[in-house]
């Protein structure tokens, strides 16, 4: 595909996958339409960059769908001064868009290959206020020992499905902060927008969707009597 073809595909994606699904914030739409998604997709499948659904990535991972990404950005309504924690960098596409609307982003990635790719992709786009951390963010001890992940954060974005946000991740969010998380398990998880109010949480479910489950969750121990 040529540059022109990718531009046309990007415009079609915004009109046919995003705008028609109640993502109408013009800042969000402009951001997505101006970010070359194909640059974050492996070379041999660049033609799939704007398909409806999830684009496969190395390490048996996948990109969030365009609608999922757009809904996260629209819901957060970032003002430019926020410090953001992202869990699941992938190849850095959503990371880059978050960074363009925030003061700084720390993004965790459990797969070293993807962490390196995300770091390169983001640098190639001239974004210098993102820190990629190769870590299992579901490991509370690893997070506690990681200086880059010291809270509080103004917003947290979790890019895989899980039944409940772990307490050590919730603790990283400042009071009044926002969190976007996919709650549930396949075949359907809900994209949920949380706002932290002291010890309580305001919760708004946006829609149900299909998404890979979170990797690196601690194994449940079974007791035999």
N, C-alpha and C. Protein backbone atom coordinates (compact mmCIF):
# COMPACT_ATOMS: atom_id res chain seq x y z
N UNK A 1 0.84 -1.20 0.00
CA UNK A 1 0.00 0.00 0.00
C UNK A 1 0.87 1.25 0.00
N UNK A 2 0.42 2.28 -0.69
CA UNK A 2 1.14 3.55 -0.72
C UNK A 2 0.73 4.41 0.46
N UNK A 3 1.48 5.52 0.65
CA UNK A 3 1.13 6.46 1.72
C UNK A 3 -0.30 6.95 1.56
N UNK A 4 -0.66 7.23 0.32
CA UNK A 4 -2.03 7.71 0.03
C UNK A 4 -3.06 6.65 0.40
N UNK A 5 -2.76 5.40 0.10
CA UNK A 5 -3.68 4.31 0.45
C UNK A 5 -3.88 4.22 1.96
N UNK A 6 -2.78 4.35 2.71
CA UNK A 6 -2.88 4.29 4.17
C UNK A 6 -3.69 5.47 4.70
N UNK A 7 -3.50 6.65 4.11
CA UNK A 7 -4.27 7.81 4.55
C UNK A 7 -5.76 7.61 4.31
N UNK A 8 -6.10 7.04 3.17
CA UNK A 8 -7.51 6.76 2.86
C UNK A 8 -8.06 5.71 3.81
N UNK A 9 -7.25 4.67 4.11
CA UNK A 9 -7.69 3.62 5.04
C UNK A 9 -7.91 4.20 6.43
N UNK A 10 -7.04 5.13 6.85
CA UNK A 10 -7.17 5.75 8.16
C UNK A 10 -8.46 6.57 8.23
N UNK A 11 -8.74 7.31 7.19
CA UNK A 11 -9.97 8.11 7.15
C UNK A 11 -11.21 7.22 7.17
N UNK A 12 -11.17 6.13 6.42
CA UNK A 12 -12.29 5.19 6.41
C UNK A 12 -12.48 4.55 7.77
N UNK A 13 -11.36 4.24 8.45
CA UNK A 13 -11.44 3.64 9.78
C UNK A 13 -12.15 4.59 10.74
N UNK A 14 -11.79 5.86 10.69
CA UNK A 14 -12.43 6.84 11.58
C UNK A 14 -13.92 6.94 11.30
N UNK A 15 -14.29 6.97 10.03
CA UNK A 15 -15.71 7.14 9.67
C UNK A 15 -16.53 5.88 9.92
N UNK A 16 -15.97 4.70 9.60
CA UNK A 16 -16.76 3.47 9.59
C UNK A 16 -16.60 2.59 10.83
N UNK A 17 -15.53 2.81 11.62
CA UNK A 17 -15.33 1.99 12.80
C UNK A 17 -15.44 2.78 14.10
N UNK A 18 -15.23 4.08 14.03
CA UNK A 18 -15.11 4.88 15.25
C UNK A 18 -16.24 5.90 15.39
N UNK A 19 -16.34 6.80 14.42
CA UNK A 19 -17.35 7.86 14.51
C UNK A 19 -18.77 7.30 14.61
N UNK A 20 -19.02 6.23 13.89
CA UNK A 20 -20.37 5.66 13.88
C UNK A 20 -20.71 4.95 15.18
N UNK A 21 -19.72 4.77 16.06
CA UNK A 21 -19.95 4.09 17.34
C UNK A 21 -19.88 5.07 18.51
N UNK A 22 -20.32 6.29 18.28
CA UNK A 22 -20.50 7.31 19.31
C UNK A 22 -19.19 7.87 19.87
N UNK A 23 -18.11 7.72 19.13
CA UNK A 23 -16.89 8.46 19.47
C UNK A 23 -16.92 9.71 18.59
N UNK A 24 -17.30 10.82 19.18
CA UNK A 24 -17.56 12.03 18.41
C UNK A 24 -16.68 13.21 18.81
N UNK A 25 -15.85 13.01 19.83
CA UNK A 25 -14.97 14.09 20.27
C UNK A 25 -13.97 14.41 19.16
N UNK A 26 -13.97 15.65 18.69
CA UNK A 26 -13.15 16.00 17.54
C UNK A 26 -11.66 15.92 17.83
N UNK A 27 -11.25 16.21 19.05
CA UNK A 27 -9.83 16.09 19.40
C UNK A 27 -9.38 14.63 19.29
N UNK A 28 -10.21 13.73 19.79
CA UNK A 28 -9.90 12.30 19.71
C UNK A 28 -9.83 11.84 18.26
N UNK A 29 -10.81 12.23 17.46
CA UNK A 29 -10.86 11.80 16.07
C UNK A 29 -9.67 12.35 15.29
N UNK A 30 -9.30 13.60 15.54
CA UNK A 30 -8.16 14.19 14.85
C UNK A 30 -6.86 13.48 15.22
N UNK A 31 -6.72 13.16 16.50
CA UNK A 31 -5.52 12.47 16.96
C UNK A 31 -5.37 11.13 16.26
N UNK A 32 -6.44 10.36 16.20
CA UNK A 32 -6.38 9.03 15.60
C UNK A 32 -6.16 9.12 14.09
N UNK A 33 -6.78 10.10 13.45
CA UNK A 33 -6.65 10.23 12.00
C UNK A 33 -5.26 10.73 11.61
N UNK A 34 -4.55 11.38 12.53
CA UNK A 34 -3.23 11.91 12.21
C UNK A 34 -2.09 10.96 12.59
N UNK A 35 -2.39 9.89 13.33
CA UNK A 35 -1.35 8.96 13.78
C UNK A 35 -1.26 7.77 12.83
N UNK A 36 -0.11 7.57 12.17
CA UNK A 36 0.02 6.47 11.19
C UNK A 36 0.10 5.10 11.86
N UNK A 37 -1.03 4.47 12.01
CA UNK A 37 -1.13 3.18 12.69
C UNK A 37 -0.25 2.12 12.03
N UNK A 38 -0.08 2.23 10.71
CA UNK A 38 0.71 1.23 9.99
C UNK A 38 2.16 1.18 10.46
N UNK A 39 2.66 2.27 11.03
CA UNK A 39 4.04 2.29 11.52
C UNK A 39 4.24 1.48 12.79
N UNK A 40 3.15 1.04 13.41
CA UNK A 40 3.22 0.27 14.64
C UNK A 40 2.85 -1.20 14.43
N UNK A 41 2.72 -1.58 13.17
CA UNK A 41 2.32 -2.94 12.80
C UNK A 41 3.51 -3.64 12.14
N UNK A 42 3.74 -4.92 12.42
CA UNK A 42 4.85 -5.63 11.76
C UNK A 42 4.81 -5.48 10.24
N UNK A 43 5.98 -5.38 9.64
CA UNK A 43 6.12 -5.05 8.21
C UNK A 43 5.28 -5.97 7.32
N UNK A 44 5.27 -7.27 7.61
CA UNK A 44 4.62 -8.22 6.71
C UNK A 44 3.10 -8.18 6.76
N UNK A 45 2.53 -7.44 7.73
CA UNK A 45 1.06 -7.35 7.81
C UNK A 45 0.59 -5.89 7.88
N UNK A 46 1.38 -4.98 7.32
CA UNK A 46 0.98 -3.57 7.36
C UNK A 46 -0.38 -3.34 6.70
N UNK A 47 -0.71 -4.17 5.73
CA UNK A 47 -1.99 -4.01 5.03
C UNK A 47 -3.19 -4.25 5.95
N UNK A 48 -2.94 -4.87 7.13
CA UNK A 48 -4.02 -5.14 8.08
C UNK A 48 -4.19 -4.03 9.11
N UNK A 49 -3.37 -2.98 9.02
CA UNK A 49 -3.30 -1.97 10.08
C UNK A 49 -4.65 -1.34 10.39
N UNK A 50 -5.51 -1.20 9.39
CA UNK A 50 -6.76 -0.48 9.60
C UNK A 50 -7.99 -1.39 9.51
N UNK A 51 -7.76 -2.69 9.66
CA UNK A 51 -8.91 -3.58 9.62
C UNK A 51 -9.74 -3.43 10.90
N UNK A 52 -10.98 -3.81 10.78
CA UNK A 52 -11.86 -3.79 11.94
C UNK A 52 -11.56 -5.02 12.79
N UNK A 53 -11.19 -4.82 14.04
CA UNK A 53 -10.83 -5.93 14.89
C UNK A 53 -9.42 -5.77 15.41
N UNK A 54 -8.81 -6.88 15.81
CA UNK A 54 -7.50 -6.86 16.44
C UNK A 54 -6.42 -7.31 15.48
N UNK A 55 -5.37 -6.51 15.36
CA UNK A 55 -4.24 -6.82 14.49
C UNK A 55 -3.23 -7.67 15.27
N UNK A 56 -2.80 -8.82 14.73
CA UNK A 56 -1.86 -9.68 15.46
C UNK A 56 -0.48 -9.03 15.60
N UNK A 57 0.15 -9.27 16.73
CA UNK A 57 1.49 -8.78 17.04
C UNK A 57 2.38 -9.96 17.42
N UNK A 58 3.69 -9.75 17.49
CA UNK A 58 4.57 -10.81 17.97
C UNK A 58 4.20 -11.25 19.39
N UNK A 59 4.76 -12.36 19.83
CA UNK A 59 4.55 -12.91 21.18
C UNK A 59 3.11 -13.31 21.43
N UNK A 60 2.38 -13.63 20.34
CA UNK A 60 0.97 -14.06 20.43
C UNK A 60 0.09 -12.96 21.04
N UNK A 61 0.45 -11.71 20.80
CA UNK A 61 -0.33 -10.59 21.29
C UNK A 61 -1.11 -9.96 20.15
N UNK A 62 -1.89 -8.94 20.45
CA UNK A 62 -2.66 -8.24 19.43
C UNK A 62 -2.88 -6.79 19.85
N UNK A 63 -3.05 -5.93 18.85
CA UNK A 63 -3.37 -4.54 19.14
C UNK A 63 -4.82 -4.45 19.60
N UNK A 64 -5.12 -3.47 20.42
CA UNK A 64 -6.51 -3.16 20.69
C UNK A 64 -7.17 -2.74 19.38
N UNK A 65 -8.47 -2.87 19.30
CA UNK A 65 -9.16 -2.44 18.09
C UNK A 65 -9.21 -0.91 18.05
N UNK A 66 -9.38 -0.33 16.86
CA UNK A 66 -9.49 1.13 16.77
C UNK A 66 -10.58 1.71 17.67
N UNK A 67 -11.73 1.02 17.76
CA UNK A 67 -12.81 1.52 18.61
C UNK A 67 -12.42 1.48 20.08
N UNK A 68 -11.76 0.43 20.51
CA UNK A 68 -11.31 0.35 21.91
C UNK A 68 -10.34 1.49 22.23
N UNK A 69 -9.39 1.72 21.33
CA UNK A 69 -8.41 2.79 21.54
C UNK A 69 -9.08 4.16 21.59
N UNK A 70 -9.97 4.40 20.64
CA UNK A 70 -10.65 5.69 20.57
C UNK A 70 -11.53 5.92 21.80
N UNK A 71 -12.20 4.88 22.26
CA UNK A 71 -13.08 5.01 23.42
C UNK A 71 -12.28 5.34 24.68
N UNK A 72 -11.10 4.75 24.81
CA UNK A 72 -10.23 5.04 25.95
C UNK A 72 -9.82 6.51 25.93
N UNK A 73 -9.37 6.98 24.79
CA UNK A 73 -8.91 8.36 24.68
C UNK A 73 -10.04 9.35 24.93
N UNK A 74 -11.21 9.08 24.33
CA UNK A 74 -12.34 9.99 24.51
C UNK A 74 -12.79 10.03 25.97
N UNK A 75 -12.81 8.89 26.63
CA UNK A 75 -13.29 8.83 28.02
C UNK A 75 -12.36 9.57 28.97
N UNK A 76 -11.05 9.48 28.74
CA UNK A 76 -10.10 10.11 29.66
C UNK A 76 -10.12 11.63 29.55
N UNK A 77 -10.35 12.16 28.36
CA UNK A 77 -10.36 13.62 28.16
C UNK A 77 -9.16 14.29 28.83
N UNK A 78 -7.98 13.87 28.44
CA UNK A 78 -6.74 14.37 29.05
C UNK A 78 -6.52 15.84 28.71
N UNK A 79 -5.90 16.53 29.65
CA UNK A 79 -5.68 17.97 29.47
C UNK A 79 -4.26 18.35 29.16
N UNK A 80 -3.33 17.38 29.21
CA UNK A 80 -1.94 17.69 28.87
C UNK A 80 -0.99 17.73 30.05
N UNK A 81 -1.52 17.72 31.26
CA UNK A 81 -0.66 17.82 32.44
C UNK A 81 -0.55 16.50 33.21
N UNK A 82 -1.16 15.46 32.69
CA UNK A 82 -1.28 14.20 33.44
C UNK A 82 -0.04 13.31 33.33
N UNK A 83 0.17 12.54 34.40
CA UNK A 83 1.15 11.46 34.43
C UNK A 83 0.36 10.17 34.32
N UNK A 84 0.67 9.36 33.30
CA UNK A 84 -0.16 8.20 32.98
C UNK A 84 0.65 6.91 33.11
N UNK A 85 -0.01 5.88 33.62
CA UNK A 85 0.54 4.53 33.64
C UNK A 85 -0.29 3.68 32.68
N UNK A 86 0.41 3.03 31.75
CA UNK A 86 -0.25 2.10 30.83
C UNK A 86 0.29 0.70 31.09
N UNK A 87 -0.59 -0.27 31.15
CA UNK A 87 -0.19 -1.66 31.32
C UNK A 87 -0.51 -2.41 30.04
N UNK A 88 0.56 -2.77 29.33
CA UNK A 88 0.41 -3.43 28.04
C UNK A 88 0.76 -2.49 26.90
N UNK A 89 2.06 -2.26 26.69
CA UNK A 89 2.49 -1.31 25.66
C UNK A 89 2.25 -1.85 24.25
N UNK A 90 2.35 -3.18 24.08
CA UNK A 90 2.30 -3.71 22.73
C UNK A 90 3.42 -3.11 21.90
N UNK A 91 3.10 -2.61 20.72
CA UNK A 91 4.11 -1.94 19.89
C UNK A 91 4.08 -0.43 20.04
N UNK A 92 3.28 0.07 21.00
CA UNK A 92 3.35 1.47 21.36
C UNK A 92 2.37 2.41 20.71
N UNK A 93 1.37 1.90 19.99
CA UNK A 93 0.46 2.80 19.28
C UNK A 93 -0.40 3.62 20.25
N UNK A 94 -1.13 2.95 21.13
CA UNK A 94 -1.94 3.69 22.10
C UNK A 94 -1.04 4.50 23.02
N UNK A 95 0.12 3.97 23.36
CA UNK A 95 1.08 4.68 24.19
C UNK A 95 1.42 6.03 23.59
N UNK A 96 1.70 6.04 22.29
CA UNK A 96 2.06 7.27 21.60
C UNK A 96 0.92 8.28 21.62
N UNK A 97 -0.30 7.81 21.40
CA UNK A 97 -1.44 8.73 21.40
C UNK A 97 -1.70 9.29 22.79
N UNK A 98 -1.57 8.46 23.82
CA UNK A 98 -1.71 8.95 25.19
C UNK A 98 -0.66 10.02 25.48
N UNK A 99 0.58 9.76 25.02
CA UNK A 99 1.67 10.70 25.28
C UNK A 99 1.42 12.06 24.64
N UNK A 100 0.77 12.06 23.49
CA UNK A 100 0.50 13.32 22.80
C UNK A 100 -0.55 14.16 23.52
N UNK A 101 -1.22 13.57 24.51
CA UNK A 101 -2.23 14.30 25.27
C UNK A 101 -1.87 14.41 26.75
N UNK A 102 -0.65 14.03 27.13
CA UNK A 102 -0.28 14.00 28.54
C UNK A 102 1.12 14.56 28.75
N UNK A 103 1.45 14.77 30.01
CA UNK A 103 2.79 15.27 30.36
C UNK A 103 3.83 14.15 30.27
N UNK A 104 3.47 12.94 30.73
CA UNK A 104 4.39 11.81 30.66
C UNK A 104 3.61 10.51 30.74
N UNK A 105 4.21 9.45 30.20
CA UNK A 105 3.60 8.12 30.21
C UNK A 105 4.66 7.10 30.62
N UNK A 106 4.30 6.25 31.56
CA UNK A 106 5.08 5.06 31.87
C UNK A 106 4.27 3.88 31.36
N UNK A 107 4.87 3.08 30.49
CA UNK A 107 4.13 1.96 29.89
C UNK A 107 4.86 0.65 30.16
N UNK A 108 4.13 -0.31 30.72
CA UNK A 108 4.68 -1.62 31.09
C UNK A 108 4.42 -2.63 29.99
N UNK A 109 5.39 -3.48 29.75
CA UNK A 109 5.22 -4.55 28.77
C UNK A 109 5.92 -5.80 29.28
N UNK A 110 5.18 -6.91 29.33
CA UNK A 110 5.70 -8.16 29.88
C UNK A 110 6.66 -8.87 28.91
N UNK A 111 6.52 -8.60 27.60
CA UNK A 111 7.36 -9.24 26.59
C UNK A 111 8.50 -8.31 26.18
N UNK A 112 9.72 -8.79 26.33
CA UNK A 112 10.89 -7.95 26.04
C UNK A 112 10.93 -7.51 24.58
N UNK A 113 10.58 -8.41 23.66
CA UNK A 113 10.59 -8.09 22.24
C UNK A 113 9.65 -6.93 21.94
N UNK A 114 8.45 -6.97 22.51
CA UNK A 114 7.50 -5.88 22.29
C UNK A 114 7.94 -4.60 22.97
N UNK A 115 8.52 -4.71 24.16
CA UNK A 115 9.00 -3.52 24.86
C UNK A 115 10.03 -2.78 24.02
N UNK A 116 10.96 -3.52 23.42
CA UNK A 116 11.97 -2.90 22.57
C UNK A 116 11.35 -2.28 21.33
N UNK A 117 10.37 -2.96 20.74
CA UNK A 117 9.72 -2.44 19.54
C UNK A 117 8.93 -1.17 19.86
N UNK A 118 8.23 -1.18 20.98
CA UNK A 118 7.47 0.01 21.38
C UNK A 118 8.40 1.20 21.60
N UNK A 119 9.50 0.95 22.26
CA UNK A 119 10.47 2.01 22.53
C UNK A 119 10.98 2.62 21.22
N UNK A 120 11.30 1.77 20.25
CA UNK A 120 11.78 2.26 18.95
C UNK A 120 10.69 3.02 18.20
N UNK A 121 9.49 2.46 18.15
CA UNK A 121 8.40 3.11 17.41
C UNK A 121 8.10 4.49 17.96
N UNK A 122 8.08 4.60 19.27
CA UNK A 122 7.76 5.88 19.90
C UNK A 122 8.87 6.90 19.65
N UNK A 123 10.13 6.45 19.74
CA UNK A 123 11.25 7.34 19.46
C UNK A 123 11.24 7.78 18.00
N UNK A 124 10.88 6.86 17.09
CA UNK A 124 10.84 7.20 15.66
C UNK A 124 9.82 8.29 15.36
N UNK A 125 8.82 8.45 16.23
CA UNK A 125 7.82 9.49 16.03
C UNK A 125 8.13 10.75 16.84
N UNK A 126 9.36 10.83 17.37
CA UNK A 126 9.81 12.04 18.03
C UNK A 126 9.19 12.29 19.39
N UNK A 127 8.66 11.23 20.01
CA UNK A 127 8.03 11.37 21.33
C UNK A 127 9.06 11.00 22.39
N UNK A 128 9.38 11.93 23.27
CA UNK A 128 10.48 11.70 24.21
C UNK A 128 10.06 11.74 25.68
N UNK A 129 8.76 11.70 25.95
CA UNK A 129 8.31 11.71 27.34
C UNK A 129 7.54 10.44 27.70
N UNK A 130 8.01 9.32 27.12
CA UNK A 130 7.47 7.99 27.43
C UNK A 130 8.60 7.13 27.97
N UNK A 131 8.31 6.39 29.03
CA UNK A 131 9.25 5.41 29.58
C UNK A 131 8.64 4.02 29.43
N UNK A 132 9.30 3.15 28.67
CA UNK A 132 8.85 1.77 28.51
C UNK A 132 9.57 0.91 29.54
N UNK A 133 8.81 0.14 30.30
CA UNK A 133 9.38 -0.72 31.35
C UNK A 133 9.06 -2.17 31.03
N UNK A 134 10.10 -3.00 30.92
CA UNK A 134 9.88 -4.44 30.71
C UNK A 134 9.64 -5.07 32.07
N UNK A 135 8.38 -5.39 32.36
CA UNK A 135 8.01 -5.86 33.69
C UNK A 135 6.68 -6.58 33.62
N UNK A 136 6.45 -7.49 34.53
CA UNK A 136 5.13 -8.08 34.73
C UNK A 136 4.40 -7.22 35.75
N UNK A 137 3.52 -6.37 35.27
CA UNK A 137 2.84 -5.42 36.16
C UNK A 137 1.86 -6.09 37.10
N UNK A 138 1.55 -7.36 36.87
CA UNK A 138 0.68 -8.09 37.77
C UNK A 138 1.42 -8.66 38.97
N UNK A 139 2.74 -8.53 38.99
CA UNK A 139 3.58 -8.98 40.09
C UNK A 139 3.79 -7.82 41.05
N UNK A 140 3.11 -7.87 42.18
CA UNK A 140 3.14 -6.75 43.13
C UNK A 140 4.55 -6.46 43.63
N UNK A 141 5.34 -7.49 43.85
CA UNK A 141 6.71 -7.28 44.35
C UNK A 141 7.57 -6.61 43.29
N UNK A 142 7.43 -7.02 42.05
CA UNK A 142 8.20 -6.41 40.96
C UNK A 142 7.83 -4.94 40.80
N UNK A 143 6.55 -4.64 40.89
CA UNK A 143 6.09 -3.25 40.78
C UNK A 143 6.64 -2.41 41.93
N UNK A 144 6.59 -2.94 43.14
CA UNK A 144 7.08 -2.21 44.31
C UNK A 144 8.57 -1.89 44.20
N UNK A 145 9.31 -2.76 43.50
CA UNK A 145 10.75 -2.57 43.37
C UNK A 145 11.15 -1.72 42.16
N UNK A 146 10.18 -1.31 41.38
CA UNK A 146 10.46 -0.57 40.13
C UNK A 146 10.31 0.93 40.36
N UNK A 147 11.39 1.70 40.32
CA UNK A 147 11.30 3.13 40.61
C UNK A 147 10.45 3.90 39.61
N UNK A 148 10.42 3.43 38.35
CA UNK A 148 9.62 4.14 37.33
C UNK A 148 8.13 4.05 37.61
N UNK A 149 7.73 3.06 38.43
CA UNK A 149 6.31 2.85 38.66
C UNK A 149 5.82 3.36 40.00
N UNK A 150 6.56 4.23 40.60
CA UNK A 150 6.10 4.84 41.84
C UNK A 150 4.93 5.79 41.55
N UNK A 151 3.87 5.63 42.31
CA UNK A 151 2.71 6.50 42.13
C UNK A 151 2.92 7.83 42.84
N UNK A 152 1.93 8.70 42.79
CA UNK A 152 0.63 8.42 42.17
C UNK A 152 0.60 8.82 40.69
N UNK A 153 -0.30 8.17 39.96
CA UNK A 153 -0.56 8.51 38.57
C UNK A 153 -1.93 9.16 38.47
N UNK A 154 -2.06 10.05 37.49
CA UNK A 154 -3.36 10.72 37.26
C UNK A 154 -4.33 9.81 36.53
N UNK A 155 -3.79 8.90 35.73
CA UNK A 155 -4.64 7.97 34.99
C UNK A 155 -3.89 6.67 34.76
N UNK A 156 -4.64 5.58 34.74
CA UNK A 156 -4.09 4.25 34.46
C UNK A 156 -4.93 3.61 33.36
N UNK A 157 -4.25 3.03 32.37
CA UNK A 157 -4.91 2.33 31.27
C UNK A 157 -4.41 0.90 31.26
N UNK A 158 -5.34 -0.05 31.35
CA UNK A 158 -5.00 -1.48 31.37
C UNK A 158 -5.49 -2.10 30.08
N UNK A 159 -4.56 -2.63 29.28
CA UNK A 159 -4.89 -3.06 27.93
C UNK A 159 -5.15 -4.54 27.73
N UNK A 160 -5.59 -5.24 28.76
CA UNK A 160 -5.99 -6.64 28.62
C UNK A 160 -7.10 -6.92 29.62
N UNK A 161 -7.82 -8.01 29.41
CA UNK A 161 -8.98 -8.31 30.25
C UNK A 161 -8.56 -8.99 31.55
N UNK A 162 -9.18 -8.59 32.62
CA UNK A 162 -8.96 -9.23 33.93
C UNK A 162 -10.23 -9.13 34.75
N UNK A 163 -10.41 -10.06 35.67
CA UNK A 163 -11.64 -10.11 36.44
C UNK A 163 -11.72 -8.97 37.45
N UNK A 164 -10.58 -8.57 37.98
CA UNK A 164 -10.54 -7.50 38.98
C UNK A 164 -9.17 -6.83 38.91
N UNK A 165 -9.16 -5.53 39.04
CA UNK A 165 -7.89 -4.80 39.04
C UNK A 165 -7.18 -5.10 40.36
N UNK A 166 -5.93 -5.55 40.31
CA UNK A 166 -5.21 -5.88 41.54
C UNK A 166 -5.06 -4.66 42.45
N UNK A 167 -5.05 -4.91 43.74
CA UNK A 167 -4.97 -3.83 44.73
C UNK A 167 -3.71 -3.00 44.57
N UNK A 168 -2.58 -3.64 44.19
CA UNK A 168 -1.34 -2.86 44.07
C UNK A 168 -1.37 -1.91 42.89
N UNK A 169 -2.20 -2.21 41.88
CA UNK A 169 -2.37 -1.27 40.76
C UNK A 169 -3.33 -0.15 41.15
N UNK A 170 -4.43 -0.49 41.80
CA UNK A 170 -5.35 0.54 42.29
C UNK A 170 -4.64 1.56 43.16
N UNK A 171 -3.69 1.09 43.99
CA UNK A 171 -2.98 1.97 44.92
C UNK A 171 -2.09 2.99 44.21
N UNK A 172 -1.78 2.74 42.94
CA UNK A 172 -0.92 3.67 42.19
C UNK A 172 -1.67 4.87 41.65
N UNK A 173 -3.00 4.83 41.72
CA UNK A 173 -3.82 5.91 41.18
C UNK A 173 -4.11 6.94 42.26
N UNK A 174 -3.95 8.20 41.92
CA UNK A 174 -4.19 9.25 42.90
C UNK A 174 -5.69 9.42 43.15
N UNK A 175 -6.02 10.01 44.26
CA UNK A 175 -7.42 10.29 44.56
C UNK A 175 -7.95 11.26 43.52
N UNK A 176 -9.10 10.94 42.96
CA UNK A 176 -9.66 11.74 41.87
C UNK A 176 -9.17 11.32 40.50
N UNK A 177 -8.26 10.34 40.45
CA UNK A 177 -7.72 9.88 39.18
C UNK A 177 -8.66 8.95 38.43
N UNK A 178 -8.33 8.70 37.17
CA UNK A 178 -9.15 7.87 36.30
C UNK A 178 -8.43 6.59 35.92
N UNK A 179 -9.22 5.55 35.70
CA UNK A 179 -8.67 4.29 35.22
C UNK A 179 -9.57 3.71 34.14
N UNK A 180 -8.95 3.22 33.06
CA UNK A 180 -9.66 2.50 32.02
C UNK A 180 -9.21 1.06 32.08
N UNK A 181 -10.16 0.13 32.21
CA UNK A 181 -9.81 -1.28 32.34
C UNK A 181 -10.89 -2.14 31.68
N UNK A 182 -10.46 -3.29 31.16
CA UNK A 182 -11.38 -4.26 30.58
C UNK A 182 -11.66 -5.32 31.64
N UNK A 183 -12.87 -5.31 32.16
CA UNK A 183 -13.23 -6.17 33.29
C UNK A 183 -14.09 -7.33 32.80
N UNK A 184 -13.64 -8.56 33.12
CA UNK A 184 -14.37 -9.75 32.71
C UNK A 184 -13.41 -10.73 32.06
N UNK A 185 -13.96 -11.71 31.37
CA UNK A 185 -13.15 -12.72 30.70
C UNK A 185 -13.82 -13.07 29.38
N UNK A 186 -13.03 -13.66 28.48
CA UNK A 186 -13.60 -14.08 27.20
C UNK A 186 -14.78 -15.03 27.41
N UNK A 187 -15.82 -14.92 26.60
CA UNK A 187 -15.87 -14.20 25.33
C UNK A 187 -16.27 -12.72 25.42
N UNK A 188 -16.51 -12.19 26.59
CA UNK A 188 -16.91 -10.78 26.66
C UNK A 188 -16.36 -10.13 27.91
N UNK A 189 -15.67 -9.02 27.71
CA UNK A 189 -15.23 -8.18 28.82
C UNK A 189 -15.81 -6.79 28.60
N UNK A 190 -16.01 -6.06 29.68
CA UNK A 190 -16.57 -4.71 29.58
C UNK A 190 -15.47 -3.68 29.72
N UNK A 191 -15.44 -2.71 28.81
CA UNK A 191 -14.54 -1.58 28.97
C UNK A 191 -15.16 -0.65 30.00
N UNK A 192 -14.45 -0.43 31.10
CA UNK A 192 -15.01 0.32 32.22
C UNK A 192 -14.14 1.54 32.52
N UNK A 193 -14.80 2.65 32.73
CA UNK A 193 -14.14 3.90 33.14
C UNK A 193 -14.37 4.07 34.64
N UNK A 194 -13.26 4.07 35.41
CA UNK A 194 -13.32 4.24 36.86
C UNK A 194 -12.81 5.62 37.25
N UNK A 195 -13.42 6.18 38.28
CA UNK A 195 -12.89 7.39 38.92
C UNK A 195 -12.74 7.07 40.41
N UNK A 196 -11.56 7.31 40.95
CA UNK A 196 -11.27 7.00 42.34
C UNK A 196 -11.68 8.15 43.24
N UNK A 197 -12.55 7.88 44.18
CA UNK A 197 -13.00 8.88 45.16
C UNK A 197 -12.74 8.35 46.55
N UNK A 198 -11.54 8.63 47.08
CA UNK A 198 -11.17 8.10 48.38
C UNK A 198 -11.14 6.59 48.35
N UNK A 199 -11.94 5.96 49.18
CA UNK A 199 -11.99 4.50 49.23
C UNK A 199 -13.08 3.92 48.33
N UNK A 200 -13.80 4.77 47.63
CA UNK A 200 -14.87 4.29 46.74
C UNK A 200 -14.51 4.60 45.29
N UNK A 201 -15.24 3.93 44.40
CA UNK A 201 -14.96 4.07 42.98
C UNK A 201 -16.26 4.34 42.22
N UNK A 202 -16.23 5.36 41.37
CA UNK A 202 -17.33 5.59 40.43
C UNK A 202 -17.04 4.76 39.19
N UNK A 203 -18.00 3.98 38.76
CA UNK A 203 -17.77 3.02 37.68
C UNK A 203 -18.78 3.23 36.57
N UNK A 204 -18.29 3.37 35.32
CA UNK A 204 -19.16 3.50 34.16
C UNK A 204 -18.75 2.49 33.11
N UNK A 205 -19.63 1.54 32.81
CA UNK A 205 -19.34 0.54 31.78
C UNK A 205 -19.72 1.11 30.41
N UNK A 206 -18.79 1.02 29.47
CA UNK A 206 -19.01 1.62 28.16
C UNK A 206 -19.62 0.63 27.16
N UNK A 207 -18.98 -0.54 27.01
CA UNK A 207 -19.54 -1.56 26.11
C UNK A 207 -18.82 -2.88 26.37
N UNK A 208 -19.44 -3.97 25.91
CA UNK A 208 -18.80 -5.28 25.99
C UNK A 208 -17.98 -5.52 24.74
N UNK A 209 -16.88 -6.24 24.90
CA UNK A 209 -15.97 -6.44 23.78
C UNK A 209 -15.17 -7.72 24.00
N UNK A 210 -14.52 -8.16 22.95
CA UNK A 210 -13.65 -9.34 23.01
C UNK A 210 -12.21 -8.89 23.14
N UNK A 211 -11.47 -9.50 24.05
CA UNK A 211 -10.10 -9.07 24.30
C UNK A 211 -9.31 -10.21 24.93
N UNK A 212 -8.01 -10.24 24.66
CA UNK A 212 -7.15 -11.23 25.30
C UNK A 212 -7.12 -11.02 26.81
N UNK A 213 -6.98 -12.13 27.54
CA UNK A 213 -6.87 -12.06 29.00
C UNK A 213 -5.49 -11.57 29.41
N UNK A 214 -5.42 -10.96 30.57
CA UNK A 214 -4.16 -10.46 31.10
C UNK A 214 -3.18 -11.60 31.35
N UNK A 215 -1.94 -11.40 30.94
CA UNK A 215 -0.89 -12.37 31.23
C UNK A 215 -0.22 -12.05 32.56
N UNK A 216 0.42 -13.06 33.13
CA UNK A 216 1.23 -12.83 34.32
C UNK A 216 0.48 -12.73 35.62
N UNK A 217 -0.80 -13.10 35.61
CA UNK A 217 -1.56 -13.08 36.86
C UNK A 217 -1.02 -14.15 37.80
N UNK A 218 -0.99 -13.85 39.11
CA UNK A 218 -0.51 -14.87 40.06
C UNK A 218 -1.41 -16.09 40.05
N UNK A 219 -0.79 -17.26 40.14
CA UNK A 219 -1.57 -18.49 40.13
C UNK A 219 -2.24 -18.71 41.47
N UNK A 220 -3.47 -19.18 41.40
CA UNK A 220 -4.20 -19.49 42.63
C UNK A 220 -3.69 -20.81 43.20
N UNK A 221 -3.43 -20.82 44.47
CA UNK A 221 -2.95 -22.05 45.11
C UNK A 221 -4.14 -22.88 45.61
N UNK A 222 -4.08 -24.15 45.30
CA UNK A 222 -5.14 -25.05 45.77
C UNK A 222 -4.63 -25.81 46.99
N UNK A 223 -5.44 -25.84 48.02
CA UNK A 223 -5.05 -26.53 49.23
C UNK A 223 -5.70 -27.91 49.27
N UNK A 224 -4.92 -28.90 49.57
CA UNK A 224 -5.43 -30.27 49.64
C UNK A 224 -5.44 -30.68 51.11
N UNK A 225 -6.59 -31.08 51.58
CA UNK A 225 -6.72 -31.51 52.99
C UNK A 225 -6.76 -33.02 53.08
